């Protein structure tokens, strides 16, 4: 079992070079995209933590479809900005509806949640975010850029 995780990451990079760390624009600290997040204890834990994470704004850079059975599973790449002034490349592993999939366009800004204590590049779409809170966050980020 020694090195099993590393071998799985290498296998994913070989099978899907478009999901490699280099292709996604993240560093070596990124744990990688899980082949099946439903079977990964780490993915379940991460997703639960992200649902209660801190709100930020992500500008969609690109996306990759991982699977299309049922609701499409996609990996979304964001340039994320936080209220604290932190910027980083964020990766969201999401199941989207067909309607949501058709609305994906590079440059679109979406609310996301991240885990400041972990900072592993993972984010999640903040579908439950209050629009007023999102506007307030956007104003904070915009005012910081003006100064």
C-alpha atoms as a PDB file:
ATOM      1  CA  UNK A   1       0.000   0.000   0.000  1.00  0.00           C
ATOM      2  CA  UNK A   2       2.999   2.354   0.277  1.00  0.00           C
ATOM      3  CA  UNK A   3       2.786   4.890  -2.530  1.00  0.00           C
ATOM      4  CA  UNK A   4      -0.746   3.854  -3.510  1.00  0.00           C
ATOM      5  CA  UNK A   5      -2.035   7.444  -3.557  1.00  0.00           C
ATOM      6  CA  UNK A   6       0.899   8.649  -5.625  1.00  0.00           C
ATOM      7  CA  UNK A   7       0.384   5.838  -8.131  1.00  0.00           C
ATOM      8  CA  UNK A   8      -3.327   6.724  -8.392  1.00  0.00           C
ATOM      9  CA  UNK A   9      -2.440  10.364  -9.107  1.00  0.00           C
ATOM     10  CA  UNK A  10       0.078   9.255 -11.742  1.00  0.00           C
ATOM     11  CA  UNK A  11      -2.517   6.957 -13.316  1.00  0.00           C
ATOM     12  CA  UNK A  12      -5.099   9.770 -13.474  1.00  0.00           C
ATOM     13  CA  UNK A  13      -2.518  12.056 -15.112  1.00  0.00           C
ATOM     14  CA  UNK A  14      -1.772   9.367 -17.691  1.00  0.00           C
ATOM     15  CA  UNK A  15      -5.422   8.579 -18.390  1.00  0.00           C
ATOM     16  CA  UNK A  16      -6.562  12.199 -18.412  1.00  0.00           C
ATOM     17  CA  UNK A  17      -3.631  14.553 -19.102  1.00  0.00           C
ATOM     18  CA  UNK A  18      -6.151  17.408 -19.194  1.00  0.00           C
ATOM     19  CA  UNK A  19      -6.720  16.820 -15.446  1.00  0.00           C
ATOM     20  CA  UNK A  20      -3.038  16.856 -14.468  1.00  0.00           C
ATOM     21  CA  UNK A  21      -1.765  19.455 -11.995  1.00  0.00           C
ATOM     22  CA  UNK A  22       0.087  21.261 -14.777  1.00  0.00           C
ATOM     23  CA  UNK A  23      -2.941  21.373 -17.060  1.00  0.00           C
ATOM     24  CA  UNK A  24      -5.180  22.683 -14.264  1.00  0.00           C
ATOM     25  CA  UNK A  25      -2.650  25.350 -13.314  1.00  0.00           C
ATOM     26  CA  UNK A  26      -2.071  24.261  -9.711  1.00  0.00           C
ATOM     27  CA  UNK A  27       1.067  23.339  -7.841  1.00  0.00           C
ATOM     28  CA  UNK A  28       2.349  20.059  -6.426  1.00  0.00           C
ATOM     29  CA  UNK A  29       0.322  20.560  -3.220  1.00  0.00           C
ATOM     30  CA  UNK A  30      -2.944  19.904  -5.082  1.00  0.00           C
ATOM     31  CA  UNK A  31      -4.165  16.425  -4.113  1.00  0.00           C
ATOM     32  CA  UNK A  32      -5.623  15.791  -7.565  1.00  0.00           C
ATOM     33  CA  UNK A  33      -9.020  14.985  -9.030  1.00  0.00           C
ATOM     34  CA  UNK A  34     -10.576  11.841  -7.571  1.00  0.00           C
ATOM     35  CA  UNK A  35     -11.495   9.194 -10.171  1.00  0.00           C
ATOM     36  CA  UNK A  36     -14.792   8.665  -8.329  1.00  0.00           C
ATOM     37  CA  UNK A  37     -15.505  11.154  -5.526  1.00  0.00           C
ATOM     38  CA  UNK A  38     -18.449   9.047  -4.334  1.00  0.00           C
ATOM     39  CA  UNK A  39     -16.016   6.310  -3.306  1.00  0.00           C
ATOM     40  CA  UNK A  40     -13.384   8.589  -1.796  1.00  0.00           C
ATOM     41  CA  UNK A  41     -13.559   9.250   1.958  1.00  0.00           C
ATOM     42  CA  UNK A  42     -11.304  12.288   1.482  1.00  0.00           C
ATOM     43  CA  UNK A  43     -13.627  13.714  -1.186  1.00  0.00           C
ATOM     44  CA  UNK A  44     -16.702  13.219   1.018  1.00  0.00           C
ATOM     45  CA  UNK A  45     -14.980  15.005   3.916  1.00  0.00           C
ATOM     46  CA  UNK A  46     -13.685  17.801   1.678  1.00  0.00           C
ATOM     47  CA  UNK A  47     -17.104  18.404   0.115  1.00  0.00           C
ATOM     48  CA  UNK A  48     -18.784  18.546   3.537  1.00  0.00           C
ATOM     49  CA  UNK A  49     -16.229  21.104   4.726  1.00  0.00           C
ATOM     50  CA  UNK A  50     -16.579  23.172   1.558  1.00  0.00           C
ATOM     51  CA  UNK A  51     -20.357  23.434   2.013  1.00  0.00           C
ATOM     52  CA  UNK A  52     -19.659  25.493   5.144  1.00  0.00           C
ATOM     53  CA  UNK A  53     -16.540  27.202   3.802  1.00  0.00           C
ATOM     54  CA  UNK A  54     -15.813  30.890   3.459  1.00  0.00           C
ATOM     55  CA  UNK A  55     -17.437  32.770   0.586  1.00  0.00           C
ATOM     56  CA  UNK A  56     -15.224  34.111  -2.213  1.00  0.00           C
ATOM     57  CA  UNK A  57     -15.628  35.044  -5.864  1.00  0.00           C
ATOM     58  CA  UNK A  58     -14.268  32.913  -8.665  1.00  0.00           C
ATOM     59  CA  UNK A  59     -13.804  33.953 -12.278  1.00  0.00           C
ATOM     60  CA  UNK A  60     -14.239  30.879 -14.476  1.00  0.00           C
ATOM     61  CA  UNK A  61     -11.055  30.241 -16.443  1.00  0.00           C
ATOM     62  CA  UNK A  62     -11.920  26.908 -18.055  1.00  0.00           C
ATOM     63  CA  UNK A  63     -13.672  23.631 -17.397  1.00  0.00           C
ATOM     64  CA  UNK A  64     -13.280  19.963 -18.271  1.00  0.00           C
ATOM     65  CA  UNK A  65     -16.003  17.339 -18.439  1.00  0.00           C
ATOM     66  CA  UNK A  66     -15.007  14.273 -16.419  1.00  0.00           C
ATOM     67  CA  UNK A  67     -18.074  12.129 -17.104  1.00  0.00           C
ATOM     68  CA  UNK A  68     -21.458  12.612 -18.699  1.00  0.00           C
ATOM     69  CA  UNK A  69     -23.512   9.760 -17.250  1.00  0.00           C
ATOM     70  CA  UNK A  70     -26.525  11.101 -15.352  1.00  0.00           C
ATOM     71  CA  UNK A  71     -25.754  14.686 -14.448  1.00  0.00           C
ATOM     72  CA  UNK A  72     -22.472  15.801 -16.024  1.00  0.00           C
ATOM     73  CA  UNK A  73     -19.446  15.856 -13.699  1.00  0.00           C
ATOM     74  CA  UNK A  74     -17.064  18.687 -14.500  1.00  0.00           C
ATOM     75  CA  UNK A  75     -13.885  20.156 -13.098  1.00  0.00           C
ATOM     76  CA  UNK A  76     -14.107  23.946 -13.069  1.00  0.00           C
ATOM     77  CA  UNK A  77     -10.988  26.119 -12.880  1.00  0.00           C
ATOM     78  CA  UNK A  78     -11.383  29.500 -11.220  1.00  0.00           C
ATOM     79  CA  UNK A  79      -9.193  32.470 -10.449  1.00  0.00           C
ATOM     80  CA  UNK A  80     -10.457  33.061  -6.910  1.00  0.00           C
ATOM     81  CA  UNK A  81     -10.376  36.294  -4.919  1.00  0.00           C
ATOM     82  CA  UNK A  82     -11.252  36.425  -1.250  1.00  0.00           C
ATOM     83  CA  UNK A  83     -12.462  39.248   0.973  1.00  0.00           C
ATOM     84  CA  UNK A  84      -9.047  39.127   2.701  1.00  0.00           C
ATOM     85  CA  UNK A  85      -7.214  39.918  -0.539  1.00  0.00           C
ATOM     86  CA  UNK A  86      -5.972  36.408  -1.240  1.00  0.00           C
ATOM     87  CA  UNK A  87      -5.891  35.244  -4.883  1.00  0.00           C
ATOM     88  CA  UNK A  88      -5.390  31.654  -6.001  1.00  0.00           C
ATOM     89  CA  UNK A  89      -6.334  29.100  -8.656  1.00  0.00           C
ATOM     90  CA  UNK A  90      -9.350  27.170  -7.411  1.00  0.00           C
ATOM     91  CA  UNK A  91     -10.599  23.833  -8.670  1.00  0.00           C
ATOM     92  CA  UNK A  92     -14.223  22.744  -8.208  1.00  0.00           C
ATOM     93  CA  UNK A  93     -15.332  19.164  -8.868  1.00  0.00           C
ATOM     94  CA  UNK A  94     -19.077  19.472  -9.445  1.00  0.00           C
ATOM     95  CA  UNK A  95     -22.087  17.628 -10.817  1.00  0.00           C
ATOM     96  CA  UNK A  96     -24.077  20.084 -12.900  1.00  0.00           C
ATOM     97  CA  UNK A  97     -27.433  20.040 -14.559  1.00  0.00           C
ATOM     98  CA  UNK A  98     -27.562  20.406 -18.329  1.00  0.00           C
ATOM     99  CA  UNK A  99     -28.889  23.943 -17.831  1.00  0.00           C
ATOM    100  CA  UNK A 100     -25.953  24.863 -15.572  1.00  0.00           C
ATOM    101  CA  UNK A 101     -23.540  23.299 -18.047  1.00  0.00           C
ATOM    102  CA  UNK A 102     -24.858  25.451 -20.914  1.00  0.00           C
ATOM    103  CA  UNK A 103     -24.282  28.599 -18.821  1.00  0.00           C
ATOM    104  CA  UNK A 104     -20.568  27.957 -18.340  1.00  0.00           C
ATOM    105  CA  UNK A 105     -18.476  30.603 -20.037  1.00  0.00           C
ATOM    106  CA  UNK A 106     -14.900  31.707 -19.356  1.00  0.00           C
ATOM    107  CA  UNK A 107     -14.866  35.066 -17.601  1.00  0.00           C
ATOM    108  CA  UNK A 108     -18.113  34.471 -15.740  1.00  0.00           C
ATOM    109  CA  UNK A 109     -17.895  35.333 -12.021  1.00  0.00           C
ATOM    110  CA  UNK A 110     -19.516  32.882  -9.617  1.00  0.00           C
ATOM    111  CA  UNK A 111     -19.655  32.661  -5.827  1.00  0.00           C
ATOM    112  CA  UNK A 112     -17.513  29.844  -4.446  1.00  0.00           C
ATOM    113  CA  UNK A 113     -16.581  28.536  -1.016  1.00  0.00           C
ATOM    114  CA  UNK A 114     -13.081  27.602   0.112  1.00  0.00           C
ATOM    115  CA  UNK A 115     -11.342  26.347   3.254  1.00  0.00           C
ATOM    116  CA  UNK A 116      -8.825  28.976   4.449  1.00  0.00           C
ATOM    117  CA  UNK A 117      -7.262  26.601   6.972  1.00  0.00           C
ATOM    118  CA  UNK A 118      -6.419  24.043   4.269  1.00  0.00           C
ATOM    119  CA  UNK A 119      -5.733  26.053   1.088  1.00  0.00           C
ATOM    120  CA  UNK A 120      -5.424  23.014  -1.184  1.00  0.00           C
ATOM    121  CA  UNK A 121      -6.909  24.737  -4.280  1.00  0.00           C
ATOM    122  CA  UNK A 122     -10.296  23.050  -3.812  1.00  0.00           C
ATOM    123  CA  UNK A 123     -13.402  25.234  -3.957  1.00  0.00           C
ATOM    124  CA  UNK A 124     -17.105  24.493  -4.373  1.00  0.00           C
ATOM    125  CA  UNK A 125     -19.846  26.447  -6.058  1.00  0.00           C
ATOM    126  CA  UNK A 126     -21.773  28.420  -3.450  1.00  0.00           C
ATOM    127  CA  UNK A 127     -25.237  27.749  -4.820  1.00  0.00           C
ATOM    128  CA  UNK A 128     -26.786  28.669  -1.463  1.00  0.00           C
ATOM    129  CA  UNK A 129     -25.076  32.066  -1.190  1.00  0.00           C
ATOM    130  CA  UNK A 130     -27.301  35.031  -0.400  1.00  0.00           C
ATOM    131  CA  UNK A 131     -27.219  37.403  -3.428  1.00  0.00           C
ATOM    132  CA  UNK A 132     -26.906  40.417  -1.106  1.00  0.00           C
ATOM    133  CA  UNK A 133     -23.854  38.859   0.565  1.00  0.00           C
ATOM    134  CA  UNK A 134     -22.320  38.111  -2.842  1.00  0.00           C
ATOM    135  CA  UNK A 135     -22.860  41.741  -3.957  1.00  0.00           C
ATOM    136  CA  UNK A 136     -21.291  42.969  -0.710  1.00  0.00           C
ATOM    137  CA  UNK A 137     -18.273  40.703  -1.259  1.00  0.00           C
ATOM    138  CA  UNK A 138     -17.937  41.911  -4.861  1.00  0.00           C
ATOM    139  CA  UNK A 139     -17.970  45.525  -3.616  1.00  0.00           C
ATOM    140  CA  UNK A 140     -15.243  44.774  -1.047  1.00  0.00           C
ATOM    141  CA  UNK A 141     -13.049  43.128  -3.698  1.00  0.00           C
ATOM    142  CA  UNK A 142     -13.692  45.939  -6.230  1.00  0.00           C
ATOM    143  CA  UNK A 143     -12.886  48.663  -3.684  1.00  0.00           C
ATOM    144  CA  UNK A 144      -9.615  46.942  -2.796  1.00  0.00           C
ATOM    145  CA  UNK A 145      -8.625  46.889  -6.502  1.00  0.00           C
ATOM    146  CA  UNK A 146      -9.328  50.619  -6.857  1.00  0.00           C
ATOM    147  CA  UNK A 147      -6.964  51.567  -4.055  1.00  0.00           C
END
